[in-house]
Amino acid sequence: MAIRRVLALAPAALVMLACSEPVGPQLARVAQASALSAGPRVIGAGHVQQATGLREFTFHAVQDGDRARGSFKVILPNGLFFEADVTCVSVNGSTGWVGGVIRATNAAPVVLGSVSTFYAIDNGEGGAAADIVSIATFNGGAGGDTAFCANQPLVLPPLAVTGGNVQVQ
């Protein structure tokens, strides 16, 4: 699949918007790491609005031959978070599906070693439509990650990215 564009952030995306770290350096590291793979990739960092405030996310998922690699992290407005290692990634057009196994958390309800999944939609650069990141699931059972990537469902609630960027290639 051809690379459609170079990873870039709009100046407004660099505003911290209640982040623990700036988004720009995270995306630079993600772009550098994922540039090594020619396979499908879903990368991004930024914020989405939830009822209780801004949720922060960062992810890089690349298909490298017959294995997926990368990681993702979700930080809720109250500071609770979880991190996962990518186990699968699939792309269809401008939408990418990612699954992984949770390796770290400070949220009591989240189970280490369980499956987490989400999808992301790349709506281009500088257009009227915002990129989308779905709510991420957690505490899924073994095999739920690969089934999610294979079936490519769009049933998780979508959230518009208000600061940051998503790239699906």
N, C-alpha and C. Protein backbone atom coordinates (compact mmCIF):
# COMPACT_ATOMS: atom_id res chain seq x y z
N MET A 1 0.85 -1.16 0.00
CA MET A 1 0.00 0.00 0.00
C MET A 1 0.91 1.23 0.00
N ALA A 2 0.66 2.17 -0.88
CA ALA A 2 1.51 3.36 -0.99
C ALA A 2 1.31 4.29 0.20
N ILE A 3 2.37 4.96 0.58
CA ILE A 3 2.26 5.96 1.65
C ILE A 3 1.61 7.19 1.06
N ARG A 4 0.52 7.65 1.68
CA ARG A 4 -0.26 8.76 1.13
C ARG A 4 0.29 10.12 1.49
N ARG A 5 0.90 10.24 2.62
CA ARG A 5 1.40 11.55 3.01
C ARG A 5 2.37 11.42 4.17
N VAL A 6 3.10 12.47 4.38
CA VAL A 6 4.07 12.51 5.47
C VAL A 6 3.35 12.90 6.75
N LEU A 7 3.75 12.27 7.84
CA LEU A 7 3.14 12.56 9.13
C LEU A 7 3.39 14.03 9.49
N ALA A 8 2.32 14.74 9.82
CA ALA A 8 2.44 16.16 10.17
C ALA A 8 1.40 16.49 11.22
N LEU A 9 1.68 17.50 12.01
CA LEU A 9 0.73 17.98 13.01
C LEU A 9 0.41 19.44 12.73
N ALA A 10 -0.85 19.79 12.83
CA ALA A 10 -1.24 21.18 12.74
C ALA A 10 -0.74 21.90 13.98
N PRO A 11 -0.39 23.18 13.88
CA PRO A 11 0.10 23.90 15.05
C PRO A 11 -0.83 23.81 16.26
N ALA A 12 -2.13 23.78 16.04
CA ALA A 12 -3.06 23.68 17.17
C ALA A 12 -2.92 22.36 17.90
N ALA A 13 -2.48 21.32 17.20
CA ALA A 13 -2.33 20.01 17.83
C ALA A 13 -1.19 20.00 18.83
N LEU A 14 -0.31 20.96 18.75
CA LEU A 14 0.82 21.00 19.66
C LEU A 14 0.47 21.62 21.01
N VAL A 15 -0.71 22.19 21.11
CA VAL A 15 -1.16 22.73 22.38
C VAL A 15 -1.34 21.58 23.36
N MET A 16 -0.91 21.75 24.57
CA MET A 16 -0.90 20.65 25.52
C MET A 16 -2.28 20.11 25.89
N LEU A 17 -3.29 20.90 25.98
CA LEU A 17 -4.64 20.45 26.26
C LEU A 17 -4.71 19.38 27.35
N ALA A 18 -4.11 19.64 28.47
CA ALA A 18 -4.17 18.77 29.65
C ALA A 18 -3.40 17.47 29.49
N CYS A 19 -2.38 17.46 28.65
CA CYS A 19 -1.55 16.27 28.46
C CYS A 19 -0.47 16.20 29.52
N SER A 20 -0.05 14.99 29.79
CA SER A 20 1.09 14.82 30.68
C SER A 20 2.39 15.08 29.92
N GLU A 21 2.39 14.90 28.59
CA GLU A 21 3.55 15.14 27.75
C GLU A 21 3.07 15.82 26.47
N PRO A 22 3.94 16.57 25.79
CA PRO A 22 3.55 17.14 24.51
C PRO A 22 3.31 16.04 23.48
N VAL A 23 2.37 16.28 22.57
CA VAL A 23 2.01 15.31 21.55
C VAL A 23 3.06 15.25 20.44
N GLY A 24 3.63 16.38 20.04
CA GLY A 24 4.57 16.44 18.92
C GLY A 24 5.72 15.47 19.03
N PRO A 25 6.48 15.45 20.13
CA PRO A 25 7.59 14.50 20.24
C PRO A 25 7.14 13.05 20.19
N GLN A 26 5.96 12.74 20.72
CA GLN A 26 5.45 11.37 20.65
C GLN A 26 5.24 10.96 19.21
N LEU A 27 4.61 11.82 18.41
CA LEU A 27 4.37 11.49 17.00
C LEU A 27 5.67 11.38 16.22
N ALA A 28 6.66 12.20 16.53
CA ALA A 28 7.94 12.11 15.84
C ALA A 28 8.59 10.75 16.07
N ARG A 29 8.55 10.26 17.32
CA ARG A 29 9.11 8.93 17.61
C ARG A 29 8.31 7.85 16.90
N VAL A 30 6.99 7.97 16.88
CA VAL A 30 6.13 6.99 16.23
C VAL A 30 6.43 6.95 14.73
N ALA A 31 6.54 8.11 14.10
CA ALA A 31 6.80 8.17 12.66
C ALA A 31 8.15 7.55 12.33
N GLN A 32 9.16 7.84 13.12
CA GLN A 32 10.49 7.31 12.88
C GLN A 32 10.50 5.79 13.01
N ALA A 33 9.87 5.25 14.04
CA ALA A 33 9.85 3.81 14.25
C ALA A 33 9.05 3.10 13.17
N SER A 34 7.92 3.66 12.77
CA SER A 34 7.08 2.97 11.80
C SER A 34 7.58 3.12 10.38
N ALA A 35 8.47 4.06 10.10
CA ALA A 35 8.99 4.24 8.75
C ALA A 35 9.83 3.05 8.31
N LEU A 36 10.25 2.21 9.23
CA LEU A 36 11.07 1.06 8.91
C LEU A 36 10.27 -0.09 8.29
N SER A 37 8.97 -0.08 8.40
CA SER A 37 8.14 -1.16 7.91
C SER A 37 7.37 -0.72 6.68
N ALA A 38 7.27 -1.62 5.70
CA ALA A 38 6.54 -1.29 4.48
C ALA A 38 5.09 -1.77 4.54
N GLY A 39 4.72 -2.46 5.60
CA GLY A 39 3.37 -3.02 5.72
C GLY A 39 2.36 -2.00 6.21
N PRO A 40 1.11 -2.43 6.34
CA PRO A 40 0.07 -1.54 6.86
C PRO A 40 0.46 -0.98 8.22
N ARG A 41 0.03 0.25 8.48
CA ARG A 41 0.35 0.90 9.74
C ARG A 41 -0.79 1.81 10.18
N VAL A 42 -0.96 1.89 11.48
CA VAL A 42 -1.94 2.78 12.10
C VAL A 42 -1.18 3.50 13.21
N ILE A 43 -0.99 4.81 13.05
CA ILE A 43 -0.20 5.57 14.01
C ILE A 43 -0.92 6.85 14.39
N GLY A 44 -0.68 7.35 15.58
CA GLY A 44 -1.30 8.60 15.98
C GLY A 44 -1.06 8.94 17.43
N ALA A 45 -1.37 10.17 17.75
CA ALA A 45 -1.30 10.67 19.13
C ALA A 45 -2.19 11.90 19.20
N GLY A 46 -2.76 12.13 20.36
CA GLY A 46 -3.60 13.32 20.52
C GLY A 46 -4.60 13.17 21.64
N HIS A 47 -5.75 13.82 21.44
CA HIS A 47 -6.80 13.89 22.46
C HIS A 47 -8.16 13.70 21.82
N VAL A 48 -9.08 13.17 22.60
CA VAL A 48 -10.49 13.13 22.23
C VAL A 48 -11.29 13.60 23.44
N GLN A 49 -12.41 14.23 23.18
CA GLN A 49 -13.26 14.74 24.26
C GLN A 49 -14.17 13.64 24.78
N GLN A 50 -14.19 13.49 26.09
CA GLN A 50 -15.15 12.61 26.75
C GLN A 50 -15.97 13.46 27.70
N ALA A 51 -17.02 12.91 28.24
CA ALA A 51 -17.90 13.67 29.14
C ALA A 51 -17.14 14.26 30.32
N THR A 52 -16.13 13.55 30.80
CA THR A 52 -15.39 14.01 31.98
C THR A 52 -14.13 14.80 31.66
N GLY A 53 -13.83 15.03 30.38
CA GLY A 53 -12.65 15.79 30.00
C GLY A 53 -11.94 15.18 28.81
N LEU A 54 -10.69 15.58 28.61
CA LEU A 54 -9.92 15.09 27.48
C LEU A 54 -9.24 13.77 27.79
N ARG A 55 -9.38 12.81 26.88
CA ARG A 55 -8.68 11.54 26.96
C ARG A 55 -7.47 11.64 26.04
N GLU A 56 -6.31 11.23 26.51
CA GLU A 56 -5.08 11.27 25.73
C GLU A 56 -4.82 9.88 25.16
N PHE A 57 -4.30 9.82 23.93
CA PHE A 57 -3.96 8.54 23.34
C PHE A 57 -2.66 8.67 22.55
N THR A 58 -1.96 7.58 22.44
CA THR A 58 -0.81 7.47 21.55
C THR A 58 -0.75 6.01 21.10
N PHE A 59 -0.48 5.80 19.81
CA PHE A 59 -0.39 4.44 19.30
C PHE A 59 0.47 4.39 18.06
N HIS A 60 1.14 3.27 17.90
CA HIS A 60 1.82 2.92 16.66
C HIS A 60 1.71 1.42 16.48
N ALA A 61 1.12 1.04 15.38
CA ALA A 61 0.90 -0.37 15.08
C ALA A 61 1.30 -0.59 13.63
N VAL A 62 2.23 -1.48 13.40
CA VAL A 62 2.69 -1.76 12.04
C VAL A 62 2.71 -3.27 11.81
N GLN A 63 2.36 -3.64 10.60
CA GLN A 63 2.46 -5.04 10.19
C GLN A 63 3.83 -5.20 9.54
N ASP A 64 4.66 -6.02 10.11
CA ASP A 64 6.03 -6.22 9.65
C ASP A 64 6.16 -7.68 9.23
N GLY A 65 5.95 -7.93 7.94
CA GLY A 65 5.93 -9.31 7.47
C GLY A 65 4.73 -10.05 8.03
N ASP A 66 4.99 -11.15 8.74
CA ASP A 66 3.88 -11.93 9.30
C ASP A 66 3.60 -11.61 10.76
N ARG A 67 4.19 -10.54 11.28
CA ARG A 67 3.90 -10.19 12.68
C ARG A 67 3.60 -8.71 12.83
N ALA A 68 2.73 -8.42 13.78
CA ALA A 68 2.40 -7.03 14.11
C ALA A 68 3.31 -6.60 15.25
N ARG A 69 3.65 -5.32 15.27
CA ARG A 69 4.46 -4.80 16.37
C ARG A 69 4.02 -3.38 16.68
N GLY A 70 4.37 -2.92 17.87
CA GLY A 70 4.03 -1.57 18.30
C GLY A 70 3.39 -1.60 19.67
N SER A 71 2.81 -0.46 20.04
CA SER A 71 2.15 -0.35 21.34
C SER A 71 1.12 0.77 21.29
N PHE A 72 0.27 0.81 22.31
CA PHE A 72 -0.65 1.93 22.46
C PHE A 72 -0.91 2.18 23.93
N LYS A 73 -1.29 3.44 24.20
CA LYS A 73 -1.56 3.87 25.57
C LYS A 73 -2.77 4.79 25.56
N VAL A 74 -3.63 4.60 26.54
CA VAL A 74 -4.81 5.44 26.74
C VAL A 74 -4.72 6.01 28.15
N ILE A 75 -4.86 7.35 28.25
CA ILE A 75 -4.87 8.01 29.55
C ILE A 75 -6.21 8.74 29.69
N LEU A 76 -6.97 8.36 30.70
CA LEU A 76 -8.28 8.97 30.93
C LEU A 76 -8.13 10.32 31.63
N PRO A 77 -9.16 11.17 31.59
CA PRO A 77 -9.07 12.49 32.21
C PRO A 77 -8.69 12.46 33.69
N ASN A 78 -9.01 11.39 34.40
CA ASN A 78 -8.69 11.31 35.83
C ASN A 78 -7.30 10.74 36.10
N GLY A 79 -6.51 10.53 35.05
CA GLY A 79 -5.14 10.04 35.21
C GLY A 79 -5.00 8.53 35.17
N LEU A 80 -6.10 7.80 35.15
CA LEU A 80 -6.01 6.35 35.01
C LEU A 80 -5.57 6.02 33.58
N PHE A 81 -4.77 4.97 33.43
CA PHE A 81 -4.26 4.62 32.11
C PHE A 81 -4.12 3.11 31.95
N PHE A 82 -3.93 2.70 30.70
CA PHE A 82 -3.44 1.36 30.40
C PHE A 82 -2.60 1.41 29.14
N GLU A 83 -1.62 0.50 29.07
CA GLU A 83 -0.73 0.37 27.93
C GLU A 83 -0.82 -1.06 27.42
N ALA A 84 -0.69 -1.23 26.10
CA ALA A 84 -0.77 -2.56 25.51
C ALA A 84 0.28 -2.73 24.43
N ASP A 85 0.73 -3.96 24.25
CA ASP A 85 1.61 -4.33 23.15
C ASP A 85 0.73 -4.80 22.00
N VAL A 86 1.01 -4.30 20.80
CA VAL A 86 0.21 -4.63 19.63
C VAL A 86 0.41 -6.09 19.23
N THR A 87 -0.70 -6.77 18.96
CA THR A 87 -0.67 -8.15 18.49
C THR A 87 -1.25 -8.31 17.08
N CYS A 88 -2.01 -7.30 16.63
CA CYS A 88 -2.56 -7.36 15.27
C CYS A 88 -2.89 -5.95 14.79
N VAL A 89 -2.84 -5.79 13.47
CA VAL A 89 -3.23 -4.54 12.83
C VAL A 89 -3.77 -4.90 11.44
N SER A 90 -4.86 -4.25 11.06
CA SER A 90 -5.39 -4.43 9.70
C SER A 90 -5.88 -3.07 9.21
N VAL A 91 -5.82 -2.89 7.90
CA VAL A 91 -6.19 -1.62 7.28
C VAL A 91 -7.10 -1.90 6.10
N ASN A 92 -8.14 -1.08 5.98
CA ASN A 92 -9.03 -1.11 4.83
C ASN A 92 -9.31 0.34 4.48
N GLY A 93 -8.71 0.83 3.41
CA GLY A 93 -8.85 2.23 3.04
C GLY A 93 -8.23 3.13 4.08
N SER A 94 -9.01 4.05 4.61
CA SER A 94 -8.51 5.01 5.60
C SER A 94 -8.82 4.60 7.03
N THR A 95 -9.27 3.36 7.23
CA THR A 95 -9.60 2.86 8.57
C THR A 95 -8.65 1.75 8.95
N GLY A 96 -8.18 1.81 10.21
CA GLY A 96 -7.29 0.78 10.72
C GLY A 96 -7.81 0.21 12.03
N TRP A 97 -7.64 -1.09 12.21
CA TRP A 97 -8.05 -1.80 13.41
C TRP A 97 -6.81 -2.32 14.12
N VAL A 98 -6.78 -2.17 15.44
CA VAL A 98 -5.60 -2.55 16.22
C VAL A 98 -6.05 -3.36 17.43
N GLY A 99 -5.31 -4.41 17.72
CA GLY A 99 -5.54 -5.20 18.92
C GLY A 99 -4.23 -5.41 19.65
N GLY A 100 -4.33 -5.60 20.96
CA GLY A 100 -3.12 -5.81 21.74
C GLY A 100 -3.41 -6.45 23.08
N VAL A 101 -2.34 -6.75 23.80
CA VAL A 101 -2.43 -7.35 25.13
C VAL A 101 -1.94 -6.32 26.15
N ILE A 102 -2.75 -6.06 27.16
CA ILE A 102 -2.44 -5.04 28.16
C ILE A 102 -1.26 -5.48 29.02
N ARG A 103 -0.24 -4.60 29.09
CA ARG A 103 0.97 -4.91 29.85
C ARG A 103 1.19 -4.02 31.07
N ALA A 104 0.47 -2.89 31.15
CA ALA A 104 0.63 -1.99 32.29
C ALA A 104 -0.65 -1.20 32.50
N THR A 105 -0.97 -0.90 33.76
CA THR A 105 -2.15 -0.10 34.08
C THR A 105 -2.06 0.38 35.53
N ASN A 106 -2.77 1.46 35.82
CA ASN A 106 -2.97 1.88 37.21
C ASN A 106 -4.45 1.91 37.54
N ALA A 107 -5.26 1.31 36.67
CA ALA A 107 -6.72 1.27 36.85
C ALA A 107 -7.13 -0.11 37.35
N ALA A 108 -7.70 -0.16 38.53
CA ALA A 108 -8.06 -1.43 39.17
C ALA A 108 -8.94 -2.33 38.30
N PRO A 109 -9.90 -1.80 37.52
CA PRO A 109 -10.75 -2.70 36.74
C PRO A 109 -10.04 -3.35 35.55
N VAL A 110 -8.91 -2.81 35.12
CA VAL A 110 -8.22 -3.32 33.93
C VAL A 110 -7.33 -4.50 34.34
N VAL A 111 -7.45 -5.60 33.61
CA VAL A 111 -6.72 -6.83 33.92
C VAL A 111 -5.47 -6.94 33.04
N LEU A 112 -4.31 -7.04 33.68
CA LEU A 112 -3.07 -7.26 32.94
C LEU A 112 -3.16 -8.57 32.17
N GLY A 113 -2.67 -8.57 30.94
CA GLY A 113 -2.71 -9.77 30.11
C GLY A 113 -4.00 -9.94 29.32
N SER A 114 -4.98 -9.06 29.56
CA SER A 114 -6.23 -9.14 28.80
C SER A 114 -6.08 -8.39 27.47
N VAL A 115 -7.05 -8.58 26.60
CA VAL A 115 -7.02 -8.00 25.26
C VAL A 115 -7.70 -6.64 25.23
N SER A 116 -7.12 -5.72 24.45
CA SER A 116 -7.70 -4.40 24.20
C SER A 116 -7.76 -4.19 22.69
N THR A 117 -8.81 -3.51 22.21
CA THR A 117 -8.97 -3.25 20.78
C THR A 117 -9.52 -1.84 20.55
N PHE A 118 -9.25 -1.28 19.38
CA PHE A 118 -9.83 -0.01 18.95
C PHE A 118 -9.66 0.11 17.45
N TYR A 119 -10.35 1.07 16.85
CA TYR A 119 -10.11 1.41 15.45
C TYR A 119 -9.87 2.91 15.33
N ALA A 120 -9.24 3.30 14.22
CA ALA A 120 -8.95 4.71 13.95
C ALA A 120 -9.25 4.99 12.48
N ILE A 121 -9.75 6.20 12.22
CA ILE A 121 -10.07 6.62 10.86
C ILE A 121 -9.29 7.89 10.56
N ASP A 122 -8.54 7.84 9.46
CA ASP A 122 -7.74 8.97 8.99
C ASP A 122 -8.57 9.74 7.96
N ASN A 123 -8.99 10.94 8.32
CA ASN A 123 -9.80 11.76 7.42
C ASN A 123 -9.00 12.82 6.70
N GLY A 124 -7.69 12.60 6.56
CA GLY A 124 -6.86 13.51 5.78
C GLY A 124 -6.30 14.64 6.60
N GLU A 125 -5.55 15.47 5.94
CA GLU A 125 -4.86 16.58 6.59
C GLU A 125 -5.56 17.90 6.30
N GLY A 126 -5.90 18.62 7.34
CA GLY A 126 -6.43 19.97 7.19
C GLY A 126 -7.83 20.07 6.62
N GLY A 127 -8.54 18.98 6.53
CA GLY A 127 -9.89 19.02 5.98
C GLY A 127 -10.92 19.38 7.04
N ALA A 128 -12.16 19.43 6.61
CA ALA A 128 -13.25 19.79 7.52
C ALA A 128 -13.57 18.66 8.49
N ALA A 129 -13.32 17.41 8.08
CA ALA A 129 -13.66 16.26 8.93
C ALA A 129 -12.48 15.91 9.84
N ALA A 130 -12.76 15.73 11.13
CA ALA A 130 -11.73 15.35 12.09
C ALA A 130 -11.41 13.87 11.95
N ASP A 131 -10.17 13.50 12.29
CA ASP A 131 -9.83 12.09 12.41
C ASP A 131 -10.66 11.50 13.54
N ILE A 132 -10.79 10.18 13.56
CA ILE A 132 -11.62 9.47 14.54
C ILE A 132 -10.77 8.41 15.25
N VAL A 133 -10.97 8.28 16.55
CA VAL A 133 -10.44 7.16 17.32
C VAL A 133 -11.60 6.61 18.13
N SER A 134 -11.80 5.30 18.08
CA SER A 134 -12.91 4.71 18.83
C SER A 134 -12.56 4.59 20.31
N ILE A 135 -13.57 4.40 21.11
CA ILE A 135 -13.36 3.99 22.49
C ILE A 135 -12.56 2.69 22.43
N ALA A 136 -11.59 2.53 23.31
CA ALA A 136 -10.81 1.29 23.36
C ALA A 136 -11.45 0.32 24.35
N THR A 137 -11.56 -0.93 23.93
CA THR A 137 -12.05 -1.97 24.82
C THR A 137 -10.91 -2.45 25.71
N PHE A 138 -11.24 -3.11 26.80
CA PHE A 138 -10.23 -3.75 27.63
C PHE A 138 -10.86 -4.96 28.31
N ASN A 139 -10.03 -5.83 28.85
CA ASN A 139 -10.44 -7.06 29.53
C ASN A 139 -11.04 -8.09 28.58
N GLY A 140 -10.66 -8.04 27.30
CA GLY A 140 -11.11 -9.04 26.35
C GLY A 140 -10.35 -10.35 26.53
N GLY A 141 -10.93 -11.42 26.02
CA GLY A 141 -10.33 -12.73 26.14
C GLY A 141 -9.34 -13.03 25.02
N ALA A 142 -8.55 -14.08 25.23
CA ALA A 142 -7.56 -14.51 24.25
C ALA A 142 -8.22 -14.75 22.90
N GLY A 143 -7.60 -14.26 21.85
CA GLY A 143 -8.12 -14.41 20.49
C GLY A 143 -9.05 -13.31 20.06
N GLY A 144 -9.55 -12.51 21.00
CA GLY A 144 -10.43 -11.40 20.65
C GLY A 144 -9.74 -10.33 19.84
N ASP A 145 -8.44 -10.18 20.05
CA ASP A 145 -7.67 -9.19 19.30
C ASP A 145 -7.58 -9.56 17.82
N THR A 146 -7.17 -10.78 17.53
CA THR A 146 -7.01 -11.18 16.13
C THR A 146 -8.37 -11.26 15.42
N ALA A 147 -9.42 -11.66 16.12
CA ALA A 147 -10.76 -11.67 15.53
C ALA A 147 -11.20 -10.24 15.19
N PHE A 148 -10.90 -9.28 16.08
CA PHE A 148 -11.25 -7.88 15.85
C PHE A 148 -10.56 -7.36 14.59
N CYS A 149 -9.27 -7.61 14.47
CA CYS A 149 -8.53 -7.14 13.29
C CYS A 149 -9.01 -7.83 12.01
N ALA A 150 -9.33 -9.11 12.10
CA ALA A 150 -9.78 -9.85 10.92
C ALA A 150 -11.18 -9.43 10.49
N ASN A 151 -12.09 -9.21 11.44
CA ASN A 151 -13.49 -8.89 11.12
C ASN A 151 -13.73 -7.42 10.84
N GLN A 152 -12.84 -6.54 11.31
CA GLN A 152 -12.89 -5.09 11.07
C GLN A 152 -14.25 -4.46 11.41
N PRO A 153 -14.75 -4.66 12.63
CA PRO A 153 -16.04 -4.07 13.01
C PRO A 153 -15.92 -2.56 13.30
N LEU A 154 -17.02 -1.87 13.11
CA LEU A 154 -17.09 -0.44 13.43
C LEU A 154 -18.15 -0.19 14.49
N VAL A 155 -18.28 -1.08 15.45
CA VAL A 155 -19.34 -0.99 16.45
C VAL A 155 -18.94 -0.20 17.69
N LEU A 156 -17.65 0.03 17.92
CA LEU A 156 -17.23 0.80 19.09
C LEU A 156 -17.56 2.27 18.87
N PRO A 157 -17.95 3.00 19.92
CA PRO A 157 -18.29 4.41 19.76
C PRO A 157 -17.10 5.23 19.23
N PRO A 158 -17.32 6.02 18.18
CA PRO A 158 -16.27 6.86 17.62
C PRO A 158 -16.15 8.19 18.36
N LEU A 159 -14.92 8.68 18.49
CA LEU A 159 -14.66 9.99 19.10
C LEU A 159 -13.82 10.83 18.15
N ALA A 160 -14.20 12.08 17.94
CA ALA A 160 -13.44 12.96 17.05
C ALA A 160 -12.15 13.40 17.73
N VAL A 161 -11.06 13.34 17.00
CA VAL A 161 -9.77 13.80 17.51
C VAL A 161 -9.78 15.33 17.51
N THR A 162 -9.59 15.92 18.70
CA THR A 162 -9.63 17.38 18.82
C THR A 162 -8.24 18.00 18.88
N GLY A 163 -7.24 17.24 19.11
CA GLY A 163 -5.87 17.71 19.12
C GLY A 163 -4.97 16.54 18.83
N GLY A 164 -4.25 16.59 17.73
CA GLY A 164 -3.39 15.49 17.36
C GLY A 164 -3.66 15.05 15.93
N ASN A 165 -3.26 13.84 15.62
CA ASN A 165 -3.35 13.37 14.25
C ASN A 165 -3.36 11.85 14.24
N VAL A 166 -4.04 11.30 13.23
CA VAL A 166 -4.07 9.86 13.00
C VAL A 166 -3.61 9.63 11.56
N GLN A 167 -2.79 8.61 11.36
CA GLN A 167 -2.35 8.22 10.02
C GLN A 167 -2.64 6.74 9.84
N VAL A 168 -3.37 6.41 8.79
CA VAL A 168 -3.64 5.03 8.44
C VAL A 168 -3.09 4.82 7.03
N GLN A 169 -2.18 3.87 6.90
CA GLN A 169 -1.53 3.65 5.60
C GLN A 169 -1.45 2.18 5.30
